[in-house]
PDB file of N, CA and C in Angstrom:
ATOM      1  N   MET A   1       7.321  13.325  -3.025  1.00  0.00           N
ATOM      2  CA  MET A   1       5.696  12.942  -3.080  1.00  0.00           C
ATOM      3  C   MET A   1       5.315  13.056  -2.128  1.00  0.00           C
ATOM      4  N   SER A   2       4.144  13.588  -1.327  1.00  0.00           N
ATOM      5  CA  SER A   2       3.257  13.262  -0.521  1.00  0.00           C
ATOM      6  C   SER A   2       2.404  11.483   0.031  1.00  0.00           C
ATOM      7  N   SER A   3       3.141  11.486   1.036  1.00  0.00           N
ATOM      8  CA  SER A   3       3.361  10.350   1.679  1.00  0.00           C
ATOM      9  C   SER A   3       1.547   9.854   1.894  1.00  0.00           C
ATOM     10  N   ARG A   4       0.262  10.468   1.566  1.00  0.00           N
ATOM     11  CA  ARG A   4      -0.768  10.537   1.250  1.00  0.00           C
ATOM     12  C   ARG A   4      -0.942  10.382  -0.334  1.00  0.00           C
ATOM     13  N   THR A   5      -1.161   9.816  -1.252  1.00  0.00           N
ATOM     14  CA  THR A   5      -0.642   9.684  -2.778  1.00  0.00           C
ATOM     15  C   THR A   5      -2.163   8.842  -3.213  1.00  0.00           C
ATOM     16  N   SER A   6      -2.601  10.065  -3.694  1.00  0.00           N
ATOM     17  CA  SER A   6      -4.061   8.917  -5.299  1.00  0.00           C
ATOM     18  C   SER A   6      -3.081   8.829  -5.963  1.00  0.00           C
ATOM     19  N   GLU A   7      -3.617   7.179  -6.914  1.00  0.00           N
ATOM     20  CA  GLU A   7      -3.384   6.694  -7.765  1.00  0.00           C
ATOM     21  C   GLU A   7      -3.182   8.083  -9.355  1.00  0.00           C
ATOM     22  N   LEU A   8      -3.599   8.635  -9.254  1.00  0.00           N
ATOM     23  CA  LEU A   8      -3.422   9.703  -9.990  1.00  0.00           C
ATOM     24  C   LEU A   8      -2.690  10.722 -10.366  1.00  0.00           C
ATOM     25  N   GLU A   9      -2.492  11.152  -8.942  1.00  0.00           N
ATOM     26  CA  GLU A   9      -1.558  12.432  -8.156  1.00  0.00           C
ATOM     27  C   GLU A   9      -0.277  11.683  -8.393  1.00  0.00           C
ATOM     28  N   ARG A  10       0.398  10.368  -7.933  1.00  0.00           N
ATOM     29  CA  ARG A  10       1.850   9.667  -8.248  1.00  0.00           C
ATOM     30  C   ARG A  10       2.488   9.875  -9.322  1.00  0.00           C
ATOM     31  N   PRO A  11       3.598  10.295  -8.970  1.00  0.00           N
ATOM     32  CA  PRO A  11       4.253  10.198  -9.999  1.00  0.00           C
ATOM     33  C   PRO A  11       4.323   9.297 -10.845  1.00  0.00           C
ATOM     34  N   LYS A  12       4.903   9.218 -12.284  1.00  0.00           N
ATOM     35  CA  LYS A  12       5.087   7.598 -12.590  1.00  0.00           C
ATOM     36  C   LYS A  12       6.613   7.850 -13.537  1.00  0.00           C
ATOM     37  N   ALA A  13       7.540   7.123 -13.096  1.00  0.00           N
ATOM     38  CA  ALA A  13       8.885   6.923 -13.441  1.00  0.00           C
ATOM     39  C   ALA A  13       9.162   6.496 -14.334  1.00  0.00           C
ATOM     40  N   SER A  14      10.142   7.015 -15.601  1.00  0.00           N
ATOM     41  CA  SER A  14      10.472   6.586 -16.637  1.00  0.00           C
ATOM     42  C   SER A  14      10.286   4.754 -17.328  1.00  0.00           C
ATOM     43  N   GLY A  15       9.172   4.852 -17.625  1.00  0.00           N
ATOM     44  CA  GLY A  15       9.138   3.593 -17.940  1.00  0.00           C
ATOM     45  C   GLY A  15       8.273   2.542 -16.558  1.00  0.00           C
ATOM     46  N   ASP A  16       7.652   2.752 -16.211  1.00  0.00           N
ATOM     47  CA  ASP A  16       6.821   2.510 -15.180  1.00  0.00           C
ATOM     48  C   ASP A  16       5.019   3.221 -15.644  1.00  0.00           C
ATOM     49  N   ASP A  17       5.132   1.815 -16.106  1.00  0.00           N
ATOM     50  CA  ASP A  17       3.605   1.454 -16.146  1.00  0.00           C
ATOM     51  C   ASP A  17       2.723   0.862 -15.036  1.00  0.00           C
ATOM     52  N   ARG A  18       2.695   1.060 -13.911  1.00  0.00           N
ATOM     53  CA  ARG A  18       1.948   0.212 -13.354  1.00  0.00           C
ATOM     54  C   ARG A  18       0.318   0.578 -12.666  1.00  0.00           C
ATOM     55  N   ASP A  19      -0.567  -0.580 -13.681  1.00  0.00           N
ATOM     56  CA  ASP A  19      -1.653  -0.269 -13.049  1.00  0.00           C
ATOM     57  C   ASP A  19      -2.039  -0.806 -11.358  1.00  0.00           C
ATOM     58  N   LEU A  20      -2.229   0.709 -10.468  1.00  0.00           N
ATOM     59  CA  LEU A  20      -2.285   0.542  -9.588  1.00  0.00           C
ATOM     60  C   LEU A  20      -3.555  -0.608  -8.801  1.00  0.00           C
ATOM     61  N   GLU A  21      -4.881  -0.248  -9.675  1.00  0.00           N
ATOM     62  CA  GLU A  21      -5.665  -0.481  -9.362  1.00  0.00           C
ATOM     63  C   GLU A  21      -6.177  -2.271  -9.869  1.00  0.00           C
ATOM     64  N   ALA A  22      -5.401  -2.875 -10.657  1.00  0.00           N
ATOM     65  CA  ALA A  22      -5.023  -4.517 -11.482  1.00  0.00           C
ATOM     66  C   ALA A  22      -5.177  -4.944  -9.727  1.00  0.00           C
ATOM     67  N   GLU A  23      -3.434  -4.270  -9.453  1.00  0.00           N
ATOM     68  CA  GLU A  23      -2.351  -4.751  -8.492  1.00  0.00           C
ATOM     69  C   GLU A  23      -3.887  -4.590  -6.923  1.00  0.00           C
ATOM     70  N   LEU A  24      -4.255  -3.711  -6.816  1.00  0.00           N
ATOM     71  CA  LEU A  24      -5.004  -4.116  -5.483  1.00  0.00           C
ATOM     72  C   LEU A  24      -6.383  -5.270  -5.538  1.00  0.00           C
ATOM     73  N   ALA A  25      -7.125  -5.249  -6.750  1.00  0.00           N
ATOM     74  CA  ALA A  25      -7.428  -6.942  -7.060  1.00  0.00           C
ATOM     75  C   ALA A  25      -6.636  -7.865  -6.991  1.00  0.00           C
ATOM     76  N   SER A  26      -5.763  -7.404  -7.467  1.00  0.00           N
ATOM     77  CA  SER A  26      -4.832  -9.204  -7.062  1.00  0.00           C
ATOM     78  C   SER A  26      -5.063  -9.940  -5.854  1.00  0.00           C
ATOM     79  N   ALA A  27      -5.058 -10.828  -6.185  1.00  0.00           N
ATOM     80  CA  ALA A  27      -5.003 -11.467  -4.627  1.00  0.00           C
ATOM     81  C   ALA A  27      -3.981 -11.133  -3.667  1.00  0.00           C
ATOM     82  N   SER A  28      -2.660 -11.597  -4.548  1.00  0.00           N
ATOM     83  CA  SER A  28      -1.762 -11.275  -4.161  1.00  0.00           C
ATOM     84  C   SER A  28      -1.245 -10.297  -3.483  1.00  0.00           C
ATOM     85  N   ALA A  29      -2.134  -9.261  -3.126  1.00  0.00           N
ATOM     86  CA  ALA A  29      -2.385  -7.703  -2.796  1.00  0.00           C
ATOM     87  C   ALA A  29      -3.013  -8.018  -1.103  1.00  0.00           C
ATOM     88  N   GLY A  30      -3.479  -9.480  -0.504  1.00  0.00           N
ATOM     89  CA  GLY A  30      -4.964  -9.438   0.375  1.00  0.00           C
ATOM     90  C   GLY A  30      -6.230  -8.831   0.683  1.00  0.00           C
ATOM     91  N   HIS A  31      -6.851  -9.415   1.410  1.00  0.00           N
ATOM     92  CA  HIS A  31      -7.857  -9.465   1.137  1.00  0.00           C
ATOM     93  C   HIS A  31      -8.467  -8.564   2.180  1.00  0.00           C
ATOM     94  N   VAL A  32      -8.025  -7.380   3.184  1.00  0.00           N
ATOM     95  CA  VAL A  32      -7.876  -6.394   4.503  1.00  0.00           C
ATOM     96  C   VAL A  32      -6.999  -5.777   4.518  1.00  0.00           C
ATOM     97  N   GLY A  33      -7.731  -4.626   4.760  1.00  0.00           N
ATOM     98  CA  GLY A  33      -7.084  -3.369   4.701  1.00  0.00           C
ATOM     99  C   GLY A  33      -7.255  -2.244   3.996  1.00  0.00           C
ATOM    100  N   ILE A  34      -6.193  -1.296   4.676  1.00  0.00           N
ATOM    101  CA  ILE A  34      -6.064  -0.058   3.431  1.00  0.00           C
ATOM    102  C   ILE A  34      -5.097  -0.331   2.664  1.00  0.00           C
ATOM    103  N   PRO A  35      -5.496   0.029   1.204  1.00  0.00           N
ATOM    104  CA  PRO A  35      -4.616   0.163  -0.130  1.00  0.00           C
ATOM    105  C   PRO A  35      -3.305   1.119   0.243  1.00  0.00           C
ATOM    106  N   VAL A  36      -1.744   0.157   0.566  1.00  0.00           N
ATOM    107  CA  VAL A  36      -0.946   1.189   0.425  1.00  0.00           C
ATOM    108  C   VAL A  36      -0.190   0.827  -0.284  1.00  0.00           C
ATOM    109  N   ASP A  37       1.042   1.866  -0.772  1.00  0.00           N
ATOM    110  CA  ASP A  37       1.867   0.837  -1.585  1.00  0.00           C
ATOM    111  C   ASP A  37       3.625   0.826  -0.634  1.00  0.00           C
ATOM    112  N   ALA A  38       3.873  -0.333  -0.751  1.00  0.00           N
ATOM    113  CA  ALA A  38       4.409  -0.563   0.133  1.00  0.00           C
ATOM    114  C   ALA A  38       5.802  -1.467  -0.640  1.00  0.00           C
ATOM    115  N   ILE A  39       7.526  -1.561  -0.338  1.00  0.00           N
ATOM    116  CA  ILE A  39       8.579  -2.045  -0.339  1.00  0.00           C
ATOM    117  C   ILE A  39       8.936  -2.740  -0.131  1.00  0.00           C
ATOM    118  N   CYS A  40       9.056  -4.005  -0.580  1.00  0.00           N
ATOM    119  CA  CYS A  40       9.707  -5.471   0.273  1.00  0.00           C
ATOM    120  C   CYS A  40      11.078  -5.165   0.687  1.00  0.00           C
ATOM    121  N   VAL A  41      11.564  -5.418   1.575  1.00  0.00           N
ATOM    122  CA  VAL A  41      12.823  -5.282   2.383  1.00  0.00           C
ATOM    123  C   VAL A  41      13.524  -6.666   1.380  1.00  0.00           C
ATOM    124  N   GLY A  42      13.366  -7.802   1.101  1.00  0.00           N
ATOM    125  CA  GLY A  42      13.800  -8.697   0.678  1.00  0.00           C
ATOM    126  C   GLY A  42      14.297  -8.270  -0.923  1.00  0.00           C
ATOM    127  N   CYS A  43      13.541  -8.209  -1.808  1.00  0.00           N
ATOM    128  CA  CYS A  43      14.013  -7.958  -3.057  1.00  0.00           C
ATOM    129  C   CYS A  43      13.608  -6.222  -3.419  1.00  0.00           C
ATOM    130  N   GLY A  44      12.904  -5.801  -2.723  1.00  0.00           N
ATOM    131  CA  GLY A  44      12.489  -4.350  -3.326  1.00  0.00           C
ATOM    132  C   GLY A  44      11.578  -3.763  -3.758  1.00  0.00           C
ATOM    133  N   ARG A  45      11.054  -4.905  -4.675  1.00  0.00           N
ATOM    134  CA  ARG A  45       9.811  -4.613  -5.018  1.00  0.00           C
ATOM    135  C   ARG A  45       9.073  -3.845  -4.548  1.00  0.00           C
ATOM    136  N   ILE A  46       8.320  -2.798  -5.557  1.00  0.00           N
ATOM    137  CA  ILE A  46       6.905  -1.813  -4.734  1.00  0.00           C
ATOM    138  C   ILE A  46       5.581  -2.461  -5.661  1.00  0.00           C
ATOM    139  N   ARG A  47       4.856  -2.573  -4.633  1.00  0.00           N
ATOM    140  CA  ARG A  47       3.528  -3.463  -4.910  1.00  0.00           C
ATOM    141  C   ARG A  47       2.516  -2.690  -3.946  1.00  0.00           C
ATOM    142  N   VAL A  48       1.181  -3.079  -4.724  1.00  0.00           N
ATOM    143  CA  VAL A  48       0.249  -2.159  -3.936  1.00  0.00           C
ATOM    144  C   VAL A  48      -0.238  -3.684  -2.600  1.00  0.00           C
ATOM    145  N   LYS A  49      -0.310  -3.113  -1.294  1.00  0.00           N
ATOM    146  CA  LYS A  49      -0.407  -4.755  -0.465  1.00  0.00           C
ATOM    147  C   LYS A  49      -1.938  -4.066   0.411  1.00  0.00           C
ATOM    148  N   ARG A  50      -2.602  -4.663   1.013  1.00  0.00           N
ATOM    149  CA  ARG A  50      -3.631  -4.027   2.326  1.00  0.00           C
ATOM    150  C   ARG A  50      -3.121  -4.544   3.394  1.00  0.00           C
ATOM    151  N   ALA A  51      -3.321  -3.384   4.130  1.00  0.00           N
ATOM    152  CA  ALA A  51      -2.533  -3.698   5.397  1.00  0.00           C
ATOM    153  C   ALA A  51      -3.824  -2.687   6.434  1.00  0.00           C
ATOM    154  N   GLY A  52      -3.647  -4.174   7.572  1.00  0.00           N
ATOM    155  CA  GLY A  52      -4.674  -3.893   8.611  1.00  0.00           C
ATOM    156  C   GLY A  52      -4.332  -1.946   9.257  1.00  0.00           C
ATOM    157  N   LEU A  53      -5.117  -2.202   9.664  1.00  0.00           N
ATOM    158  CA  LEU A  53      -4.757  -0.155  10.731  1.00  0.00           C
ATOM    159  C   LEU A  53      -3.911  -0.940  11.772  1.00  0.00           C
ATOM    160  N   GLU A  54      -4.383  -2.308  12.575  1.00  0.00           N
ATOM    161  CA  GLU A  54      -3.428  -1.977  14.113  1.00  0.00           C
ATOM    162  C   GLU A  54      -2.290  -3.034  13.563  1.00  0.00           C
ATOM    163  N   GLU A  55      -2.374  -3.875  12.430  1.00  0.00           N
ATOM    164  CA  GLU A  55      -0.839  -4.055  12.203  1.00  0.00           C
ATOM    165  C   GLU A  55       0.179  -2.983  11.949  1.00  0.00           C
ATOM    166  N   ILE A  56       0.168  -2.164  10.540  1.00  0.00           N
ATOM    167  CA  ILE A  56       0.996  -0.873  10.506  1.00  0.00           C
ATOM    168  C   ILE A  56       0.627   0.441  11.875  1.00  0.00           C
ATOM    169  N   GLY A  57       0.551  -0.246  12.495  1.00  0.00           N
ATOM    170  CA  GLY A  57       0.637   0.875  13.839  1.00  0.00           C
ATOM    171  C   GLY A  57      -0.421   1.583  14.399  1.00  0.00           C
ATOM    172  N   GLN A  58      -1.254   1.923  14.030  1.00  0.00           N
ATOM    173  CA  GLN A  58      -2.702   2.846  13.883  1.00  0.00           C
ATOM    174  C   GLN A  58      -3.767   2.011  14.686  1.00  0.00           C
ATOM    175  N   HIS A  59      -4.458   3.250  15.146  1.00  0.00           N
ATOM    176  CA  HIS A  59      -5.715   3.056  16.054  1.00  0.00           C
ATOM    177  C   HIS A  59      -6.675   2.412  15.231  1.00  0.00           C
ATOM    178  N   LEU A  60      -7.587   1.818  15.588  1.00  0.00           N
ATOM    179  CA  LEU A  60      -8.849   1.608  14.519  1.00  0.00           C
ATOM    180  C   LEU A  60      -9.582   2.617  14.265  1.00  0.00           C
ATOM    181  N   GLN A  61      -9.855   3.771  15.184  1.00  0.00           N
ATOM    182  CA  GLN A  61     -10.825   4.458  14.784  1.00  0.00           C
ATOM    183  C   GLN A  61     -10.368   5.879  13.908  1.00  0.00           C
ATOM    184  N   VAL A  62      -8.881   5.639  13.818  1.00  0.00           N
ATOM    185  CA  VAL A  62      -8.191   6.585  12.985  1.00  0.00           C
ATOM    186  C   VAL A  62      -8.843   6.675  12.247  1.00  0.00           C
ATOM    187  N   ASP A  63      -8.814   8.120  10.924  1.00  0.00           N
ATOM    188  CA  ASP A  63      -9.589   7.700   9.361  1.00  0.00           C
ATOM    189  C   ASP A  63      -8.041   8.128   8.517  1.00  0.00           C
ATOM    190  N   PRO A  64      -8.491   6.791   8.074  1.00  0.00           N
ATOM    191  CA  PRO A  64      -6.888   6.229   6.576  1.00  0.00           C
ATOM    192  C   PRO A  64      -6.816   7.469   6.040  1.00  0.00           C
ATOM    193  N   MET A  65      -7.555   8.059   5.763  1.00  0.00           N
ATOM    194  CA  MET A  65      -8.015   9.758   4.411  1.00  0.00           C
ATOM    195  C   MET A  65      -6.735  10.783   5.397  1.00  0.00           C
ATOM    196  N   THR A  66      -6.259  10.788   6.746  1.00  0.00           N
ATOM    197  CA  THR A  66      -5.898  11.164   7.559  1.00  0.00           C
ATOM    198  C   THR A  66      -4.324  10.966   7.677  1.00  0.00           C
ATOM    199  N   ILE A  67      -3.878   9.923   7.070  1.00  0.00           N
ATOM    200  CA  ILE A  67      -2.974   8.750   7.999  1.00  0.00           C
ATOM    201  C   ILE A  67      -1.245   9.417   6.944  1.00  0.00           C
ATOM    202  N   GLU A  68      -0.175  10.051   7.858  1.00  0.00           N
ATOM    203  CA  GLU A  68       0.817  10.069   6.664  1.00  0.00           C
ATOM    204  C   GLU A  68       2.248   8.859   6.986  1.00  0.00           C
ATOM    205  N   VAL A  69       2.507   8.808   6.310  1.00  0.00           N
ATOM    206  CA  VAL A  69       3.526   7.557   5.769  1.00  0.00           C
ATOM    207  C   VAL A  69       3.889   6.955   6.706  1.00  0.00           C
ATOM    208  N   ARG A  70       5.436   8.514   7.170  1.00  0.00           N
ATOM    209  CA  ARG A  70       6.327   8.659   8.018  1.00  0.00           C
ATOM    210  C   ARG A  70       5.745   8.083   9.792  1.00  0.00           C
ATOM    211  N   HIS A  71       4.418   7.905   9.485  1.00  0.00           N
ATOM    212  CA  HIS A  71       3.236   7.984  10.788  1.00  0.00           C
ATOM    213  C   HIS A  71       3.344   5.698  10.843  1.00  0.00           C
ATOM    214  N   LEU A  72       3.657   4.905   9.917  1.00  0.00           N
ATOM    215  CA  LEU A  72       3.389   4.035   9.114  1.00  0.00           C
ATOM    216  C   LEU A  72       4.596   2.806   9.650  1.00  0.00           C
ATOM    217  N   GLU A  73       3.944   1.343  10.801  1.00  0.00           N
ATOM    218  CA  GLU A  73       5.364   0.708  11.119  1.00  0.00           C
ATOM    219  C   GLU A  73       4.838  -0.305  10.093  1.00  0.00           C
ATOM    220  N   SER A  74       6.598  -0.954   9.355  1.00  0.00           N
ATOM    221  CA  SER A  74       6.428  -2.200   8.511  1.00  0.00           C
ATOM    222  C   SER A  74       5.633  -3.040   9.003  1.00  0.00           C
ATOM    223  N   PHE A  75       5.126  -4.285   7.952  1.00  0.00           N
ATOM    224  CA  PHE A  75       4.455  -5.314   8.204  1.00  0.00           C
ATOM    225  C   PHE A  75       4.679  -6.345   7.379  1.00  0.00           C
ATOM    226  N   LYS A  76       4.136  -6.934   8.058  1.00  0.00           N
ATOM    227  CA  LYS A  76       4.545  -8.493   7.025  1.00  0.00           C
ATOM    228  C   LYS A  76       3.158  -9.003   6.028  1.00  0.00           C
ATOM    229  N   HIS A  77       3.760  -9.197   5.261  1.00  0.00           N
ATOM    230  CA  HIS A  77       2.737  -9.656   3.756  1.00  0.00           C
ATOM    231  C   HIS A  77       3.891 -10.696   3.395  1.00  0.00           C
ATOM    232  N   VAL A  78       2.933 -11.532   2.275  1.00  0.00           N
ATOM    233  CA  VAL A  78       3.838 -12.418   1.350  1.00  0.00           C
ATOM    234  C   VAL A  78       4.481 -11.656   0.358  1.00  0.00           C
ATOM    235  N   CYS A  79       5.484 -12.561  -0.487  1.00  0.00           N
ATOM    236  CA  CYS A  79       6.292 -11.635  -1.539  1.00  0.00           C
ATOM    237  C   CYS A  79       5.846 -12.869  -2.630  1.00  0.00           C
ATOM    238  N   HIS A  80       5.522 -12.775  -3.877  1.00  0.00           N
ATOM    239  CA  HIS A  80       5.793 -14.271  -4.153  1.00  0.00           C
ATOM    240  C   HIS A  80       7.446 -14.010  -4.886  1.00  0.00           C
ATOM    241  N   PRO A  81       7.855 -13.136  -5.224  1.00  0.00           N
ATOM    242  CA  PRO A  81       9.976 -13.230  -5.524  1.00  0.00           C
ATOM    243  C   PRO A  81      10.297 -13.958  -4.566  1.00  0.00           C
ATOM    244  N   CYS A  82       9.944 -12.997  -3.510  1.00  0.00           N
ATOM    245  CA  CYS A  82      11.266 -13.800  -2.556  1.00  0.00           C
ATOM    246  C   CYS A  82      10.911 -15.645  -1.938  1.00  0.00           C
ATOM    247  N   GLY A  83       9.052 -15.110  -2.196  1.00  0.00           N
ATOM    248  CA  GLY A  83       9.070 -16.963  -2.135  1.00  0.00           C
ATOM    249  C   GLY A  83       8.230 -17.350  -0.427  1.00  0.00           C
ATOM    250  N   SER A  84       8.128 -16.082   0.102  1.00  0.00           N
ATOM    251  CA  SER A  84       7.584 -16.197   1.572  1.00  0.00           C
ATOM    252  C   SER A  84       7.126 -14.506   2.262  1.00  0.00           C
ATOM    253  N   ALA A  85       6.743 -15.370   3.409  1.00  0.00           N
ATOM    254  CA  ALA A  85       5.906 -14.027   4.183  1.00  0.00           C
ATOM    255  C   ALA A  85       7.440 -13.007   4.292  1.00  0.00           C
ATOM    256  N   THR A  86       7.497 -11.888   4.196  1.00  0.00           N
ATOM    257  CA  THR A  86       8.279 -10.953   4.062  1.00  0.00           C
ATOM    258  C   THR A  86       7.828  -9.612   4.777  1.00  0.00           C
ATOM    259  N   TRP A  87       8.648  -8.585   5.394  1.00  0.00           N
ATOM    260  CA  TRP A  87       8.635  -7.969   6.261  1.00  0.00           C
ATOM    261  C   TRP A  87       8.708  -7.006   4.371  1.00  0.00           C
ATOM    262  N   TRP A  88       7.387  -5.821   4.781  1.00  0.00           N
ATOM    263  CA  TRP A  88       6.925  -4.647   3.832  1.00  0.00           C
ATOM    264  C   TRP A  88       7.172  -3.358   4.760  1.00  0.00           C
ATOM    265  N   ASN A  89       7.674  -1.851   3.904  1.00  0.00           N
ATOM    266  CA  ASN A  89       7.682  -1.085   4.844  1.00  0.00           C
ATOM    267  C   ASN A  89       7.104  -0.065   3.970  1.00  0.00           C
ATOM    268  N   PRO A  90       5.719   0.275   3.771  1.00  0.00           N
ATOM    269  CA  PRO A  90       4.911   1.646   3.663  1.00  0.00           C
ATOM    270  C   PRO A  90       5.681   2.751   2.612  1.00  0.00           C
ATOM    271  N   VAL A  91       5.385   3.139   1.874  1.00  0.00           N
ATOM    272  CA  VAL A  91       5.815   4.520   1.169  1.00  0.00           C
ATOM    273  C   VAL A  91       4.650   5.412   0.539  1.00  0.00           C
ATOM    274  N   ALA A  92       3.375   4.900   0.488  1.00  0.00           N
ATOM    275  CA  ALA A  92       2.466   5.865   0.819  1.00  0.00           C
ATOM    276  C   ALA A  92       1.102   5.220   0.588  1.00  0.00           C
ATOM    277  N   VAL A  93       0.305   5.744   1.307  1.00  0.00           N
ATOM    278  CA  VAL A  93      -1.256   5.389   1.286  1.00  0.00           C
ATOM    279  C   VAL A  93      -1.969   5.930   0.699  1.00  0.00           C
ATOM    280  N   LEU A  94      -2.376   5.068  -0.451  1.00  0.00           N
ATOM    281  CA  LEU A  94      -2.737   4.937  -1.792  1.00  0.00           C
ATOM    282  C   LEU A  94      -4.707   5.468  -1.201  1.00  0.00           C
ATOM    283  N   THR A  95      -4.595   6.909  -1.337  1.00  0.00           N
ATOM    284  CA  THR A  95      -6.165   7.402  -1.117  1.00  0.00           C
ATOM    285  C   THR A  95      -6.714   7.229  -2.250  1.00  0.00           C
ATOM    286  N   GLY A  96      -6.127   7.650  -3.552  1.00  0.00           N
ATOM    287  CA  GLY A  96      -6.996   7.542  -4.404  1.00  0.00           C
ATOM    288  C   GLY A  96      -8.244   6.267  -4.832  1.00  0.00           C
ATOM    289  N   LEU A  97      -7.222   4.955  -4.231  1.00  0.00           N
ATOM    290  CA  LEU A  97      -7.746   3.667  -4.160  1.00  0.00           C
ATOM    291  C   LEU A  97      -8.999   3.843  -3.136  1.00  0.00           C
ATOM    292  N   LEU A  98      -8.565   3.732  -2.273  1.00  0.00           N
ATOM    293  CA  LEU A  98      -9.418   3.796  -0.915  1.00  0.00           C
ATOM    294  C   LEU A  98     -10.534   4.676  -1.308  1.00  0.00           C
ATOM    295  N   ASP A  99     -11.082   6.204  -2.116  1.00  0.00           N
ATOM    296  CA  ASP A  99     -12.175   6.427  -2.610  1.00  0.00           C
ATOM    297  C   ASP A  99     -13.030   5.839  -3.190  1.00  0.00           C
ATOM    298  N   ARG A 100     -12.200   5.022  -4.003  1.00  0.00           N
ATOM    299  CA  ARG A 100     -12.540   4.399  -5.257  1.00  0.00           C
ATOM    300  C   ARG A 100     -13.809   3.671  -4.302  1.00  0.00           C
ATOM    301  N   GLU A 101     -12.568   3.051  -3.681  1.00  0.00           N
ATOM    302  CA  GLU A 101     -13.349   1.398  -3.218  1.00  0.00           C
ATOM    303  C   GLU A 101     -14.434   1.674  -1.733  1.00  0.00           C
ATOM    304  N   ARG A 102     -14.562   3.239  -0.987  1.00  0.00           N
ATOM    305  CA  ARG A 102     -16.146   3.904  -0.619  1.00  0.00           C
ATOM    306  C   ARG A 102     -16.788   4.203  -1.327  1.00  0.00           C
ATOM    307  N   GLY A 103     -16.687   4.146  -3.015  1.00  0.00           N
ATOM    308  CA  GLY A 103     -17.501   4.892  -3.539  1.00  0.00           C
ATOM    309  C   GLY A 103     -17.660   6.902  -3.681  1.00  0.00           C
ATOM    310  N   GLU A 104     -16.643   7.294  -3.197  1.00  0.00           N
ATOM    311  CA  GLU A 104     -16.873   8.336  -3.514  1.00  0.00           C
ATOM    312  C   GLU A 104     -15.603   8.998  -5.269  1.00  0.00           C
TER     313      GLU A 104
END
């Protein structure tokens, strides 16, 4: 799987019925930053989260469309099943969602 992934390109696992747009629209995704698919280190849950460029180890001038996930750092964000702020590891930059936000 590419590290820059459109939700339309993202392979679906058997029984995977995630709605990435709805996850991004949820308050639990956060309000600031680029959309990334990330895994909670506490419970292993994968969800869409917003992460600020500096928060994931990137310069503010970088074009988010060119970011490779292997260059991203873990970031802290709330995990509701864990009941606290915990570390999340990015697994994909969701460029398709980013394109839609930009109106492209």
